[in-house]
C-alpha atoms as a PDB file:
ATOM      1  CA  MET A   1     -27.933  99.558-134.615  1.00  0.00           C
ATOM      2  CA  GLN A   2     -27.098  97.418-131.615  1.00  0.00           C
ATOM      3  CA  SER A   3     -30.091  98.661-129.648  1.00  0.00           C
ATOM      4  CA  ASP A   4     -32.519  98.676-132.590  1.00  0.00           C
ATOM      5  CA  LEU A   5     -35.332  96.298-131.628  1.00  0.00           C
ATOM      6  CA  TYR A   6     -35.496  94.924-135.171  1.00  0.00           C
ATOM      7  CA  ASN A   7     -31.967  93.632-134.526  1.00  0.00           C
ATOM      8  CA  LEU A   8     -32.605  91.987-131.165  1.00  0.00           C
ATOM      9  CA  TYR A   9     -33.297  88.257-131.068  1.00  0.00           C
ATOM     10  CA  PRO A  10     -32.754  85.727-128.302  1.00  0.00           C
ATOM     11  CA  ALA A  11     -29.368  84.061-128.783  1.00  0.00           C
ATOM     12  CA  VAL A  12     -27.030  81.715-126.979  1.00  0.00           C
ATOM     13  CA  GLY A  13     -24.227  83.952-125.716  1.00  0.00           C
ATOM     14  CA  ALA A  14     -21.438  81.456-126.437  1.00  0.00           C
ATOM     15  CA  VAL A  15     -22.597  81.049-130.033  1.00  0.00           C
ATOM     16  CA  ASN A  16     -22.886  84.794-130.559  1.00  0.00           C
ATOM     17  CA  ALA A  17     -19.444  85.403-129.053  1.00  0.00           C
ATOM     18  CA  THR A  18     -17.821  82.668-131.167  1.00  0.00           C
ATOM     19  CA  ARG A  19     -19.450  83.974-134.357  1.00  0.00           C
ATOM     20  CA  GLN A  20     -17.893  87.382-133.747  1.00  0.00           C
ATOM     21  CA  ASN A  21     -18.335  89.408-136.940  1.00  0.00           C
ATOM     22  CA  TYR A  22     -17.985  86.484-139.324  1.00  0.00           C
ATOM     23  CA  ASN A  23     -20.077  86.723-142.460  1.00  0.00           C
ATOM     24  CA  PHE A  24     -22.950  84.341-142.926  1.00  0.00           C
ATOM     25  CA  GLY A  25     -22.583  81.750-145.634  1.00  0.00           C
ATOM     26  CA  MET A  26     -23.181  78.201-146.732  1.00  0.00           C
ATOM     27  CA  LEU A  27     -20.483  75.806-145.586  1.00  0.00           C
ATOM     28  CA  ALA A  28     -19.534  72.935-147.866  1.00  0.00           C
ATOM     29  CA  ASN A  29     -18.482  70.074-145.590  1.00  0.00           C
ATOM     30  CA  THR A  30     -20.159  70.611-142.237  1.00  0.00           C
ATOM     31  CA  SER A  31     -19.180  67.151-140.983  1.00  0.00           C
ATOM     32  CA  ASN A  32     -15.553  68.345-140.827  1.00  0.00           C
ATOM     33  CA  ASN A  33     -14.208  68.601-137.257  1.00  0.00           C
ATOM     34  CA  SER A  34     -13.001  72.170-137.832  1.00  0.00           C
ATOM     35  CA  TYR A  35     -16.620  73.319-137.536  1.00  0.00           C
ATOM     36  CA  ARG A  36     -17.865  74.139-134.079  1.00  0.00           C
ATOM     37  CA  THR A  37     -21.255  73.019-132.930  1.00  0.00           C
ATOM     38  CA  PHE A  38     -23.019  73.928-129.733  1.00  0.00           C
ATOM     39  CA  GLY A  39     -25.022  71.021-128.389  1.00  0.00           C
ATOM     40  CA  SER A  40     -28.522  71.105-129.840  1.00  0.00           C
ATOM     41  CA  CYS A  41     -27.971  74.560-131.375  1.00  0.00           C
ATOM     42  CA  GLU A  42     -27.816  74.195-135.154  1.00  0.00           C
ATOM     43  CA  MET A  43     -25.513  77.158-135.812  1.00  0.00           C
ATOM     44  CA  ILE A  44     -22.251  76.066-137.431  1.00  0.00           C
ATOM     45  CA  ILE A  45     -19.182  78.267-137.266  1.00  0.00           C
ATOM     46  CA  ASP A  46     -16.010  77.841-139.280  1.00  0.00           C
ATOM     47  CA  SER A  47     -13.446  79.878-137.373  1.00  0.00           C
ATOM     48  CA  LYS A  48     -10.712  79.138-139.932  1.00  0.00           C
ATOM     49  CA  GLY A  49     -12.773  80.379-142.878  1.00  0.00           C
ATOM     50  CA  LYS A  50     -14.495  82.994-140.714  1.00  0.00           C
ATOM     51  CA  LYS A  51     -18.007  82.030-141.815  1.00  0.00           C
ATOM     52  CA  ALA A  52     -21.164  81.100-139.951  1.00  0.00           C
ATOM     53  CA  GLN A  53     -24.026  78.991-141.259  1.00  0.00           C
ATOM     54  CA  PRO A  54     -27.292  79.554-139.407  1.00  0.00           C
ATOM     55  CA  PRO A  55     -30.061  76.949-139.227  1.00  0.00           C
ATOM     56  CA  GLU A  56     -32.546  77.028-142.104  1.00  0.00           C
ATOM     57  CA  ARG A  57     -35.375  78.326-139.908  1.00  0.00           C
ATOM     58  CA  SER A  58     -33.343  81.497-139.178  1.00  0.00           C
ATOM     59  CA  ARG A  59     -31.977  82.338-142.612  1.00  0.00           C
ATOM     60  CA  GLY A  60     -34.904  84.404-143.877  1.00  0.00           C
ATOM     61  CA  MET A  61     -35.109  86.420-140.652  1.00  0.00           C
ATOM     62  CA  ILE A  62     -31.362  87.042-140.728  1.00  0.00           C
ATOM     63  CA  ALA A  63     -31.534  88.139-144.354  1.00  0.00           C
ATOM     64  CA  ARG A  64     -34.350  90.588-143.738  1.00  0.00           C
ATOM     65  CA  THR A  65     -32.613  91.980-140.653  1.00  0.00           C
ATOM     66  CA  TYR A  66     -29.432  92.687-142.617  1.00  0.00           C
ATOM     67  CA  MET A  67     -31.432  94.164-145.479  1.00  0.00           C
ATOM     68  CA  TYR A  68     -33.219  96.405-142.963  1.00  0.00           C
ATOM     69  CA  PHE A  69     -29.838  97.540-141.573  1.00  0.00           C
ATOM     70  CA  GLU A  70     -28.689  98.573-145.005  1.00  0.00           C
ATOM     71  CA  ALA A  71     -31.937 100.471-145.679  1.00  0.00           C
ATOM     72  CA  ALA A  72     -32.149 102.145-142.254  1.00  0.00           C
ATOM     73  CA  TYR A  73     -28.486 102.939-141.558  1.00  0.00           C
ATOM     74  CA  PRO A  74     -26.659 104.684-144.426  1.00  0.00           C
ATOM     75  CA  LYS A  75     -23.211 103.908-142.998  1.00  0.00           C
ATOM     76  CA  TYR A  76     -23.911 100.150-142.991  1.00  0.00           C
ATOM     77  CA  LYS A  77     -23.066  98.428-146.271  1.00  0.00           C
ATOM     78  CA  MET A  78     -22.946  94.732-147.033  1.00  0.00           C
ATOM     79  CA  SER A  79     -20.439  93.354-149.491  1.00  0.00           C
ATOM     80  CA  ARG A  80     -21.866  92.425-152.887  1.00  0.00           C
ATOM     81  CA  GLN A  81     -21.486  88.722-152.048  1.00  0.00           C
ATOM     82  CA  GLN A  82     -23.192  89.072-148.667  1.00  0.00           C
ATOM     83  CA  ARG A  83     -26.058  91.090-150.197  1.00  0.00           C
ATOM     84  CA  GLN A  84     -26.592  88.422-152.869  1.00  0.00           C
ATOM     85  CA  LEU A  85     -26.773  85.735-150.184  1.00  0.00           C
ATOM     86  CA  MET A  86     -29.238  87.778-148.104  1.00  0.00           C
ATOM     87  CA  GLU A  87     -31.426  88.400-151.164  1.00  0.00           C
ATOM     88  CA  ALA A  88     -31.383  84.675-151.959  1.00  0.00           C
ATOM     89  CA  TRP A  89     -32.280  83.709-148.386  1.00  0.00           C
ATOM     90  CA  ASP A  90     -35.042  86.332-148.348  1.00  0.00           C
ATOM     91  CA  LYS A  91     -36.637  84.662-151.384  1.00  0.00           C
ATOM     92  CA  GLN A  92     -35.895  81.080-150.358  1.00  0.00           C
ATOM     93  CA  TYR A  93     -37.230  81.471-146.799  1.00  0.00           C
ATOM     94  CA  PRO A  94     -40.393  83.620-146.978  1.00  0.00           C
ATOM     95  CA  VAL A  95     -41.539  85.902-144.197  1.00  0.00           C
ATOM     96  CA  THR A  96     -43.546  84.223-141.439  1.00  0.00           C
ATOM     97  CA  LYS A  97     -46.679  85.377-139.682  1.00  0.00           C
ATOM     98  CA  TRP A  98     -44.594  85.660-136.485  1.00  0.00           C
ATOM     99  CA  GLU A  99     -42.116  88.047-138.180  1.00  0.00           C
ATOM    100  CA  CYS A 100     -44.967  90.291-139.316  1.00  0.00           C
ATOM    101  CA  GLU A 101     -46.576  90.344-135.870  1.00  0.00           C
ATOM    102  CA  ARG A 102     -43.206  91.013-134.237  1.00  0.00           C
ATOM    103  CA  SER A 103     -42.565  93.893-136.627  1.00  0.00           C
ATOM    104  CA  GLU A 104     -45.927  95.489-135.797  1.00  0.00           C
ATOM    105  CA  LYS A 105     -45.167  95.299-132.066  1.00  0.00           C
ATOM    106  CA  ILE A 106     -41.690  96.774-132.517  1.00  0.00           C
ATOM    107  CA  GLU A 107     -43.127  99.600-134.607  1.00  0.00           C
ATOM    108  CA  GLU A 108     -45.497 100.487-131.740  1.00  0.00           C
ATOM    109  CA  VAL A 109     -42.605 100.733-129.288  1.00  0.00           C
ATOM    110  CA  GLN A 110     -39.769 102.028-131.462  1.00  0.00           C
ATOM    111  CA  LYS A 111     -41.924 104.313-133.646  1.00  0.00           C
ATOM    112  CA  ASN A 112     -40.348 103.396-136.970  1.00  0.00           C
ATOM    113  CA  LYS A 113     -41.313 100.966-139.694  1.00  0.00           C
ATOM    114  CA  ASN A 114     -39.159  98.163-141.004  1.00  0.00           C
ATOM    115  CA  LEU A 115     -39.808  98.793-144.703  1.00  0.00           C
ATOM    116  CA  ILE A 116     -38.282  95.449-145.699  1.00  0.00           C
ATOM    117  CA  LEU A 117     -40.790  93.538-143.595  1.00  0.00           C
ATOM    118  CA  LEU A 118     -43.635  95.923-144.382  1.00  0.00           C
ATOM    119  CA  SER A 119     -43.305  95.174-148.098  1.00  0.00           C
ATOM    120  CA  ARG A 120     -43.282  91.410-147.480  1.00  0.00           C
ATOM    121  CA  CYS A 121     -46.040  91.270-144.872  1.00  0.00           C
ATOM    122  CA  ASN A 122     -48.612  93.132-146.993  1.00  0.00           C
END
């Protein structure tokens, strides 16, 4: 999974390292000082509650990536709560032209289809 091109996105290393394996979620009071912010990066991480809230522009892509993981890798399973959030984000933040183009290019290189994106791009 780690080397699957559908999983690879540019990321700020410090943000990725701080997020660890925290679940994604919506954080209630993001003005609270317990949340970590990273300069102009909009990712918010609550290390006490072990949750990460991505910026709105990333939520749909994140959702579809996690949904792809679950479809492509039988050993990977999201919790019911995490799946519900990913399904909601998938609907709330529709696929972009860029995601569809990216998926086509990855398919050429990696030789497999992302069925989640394929169904939304057509």
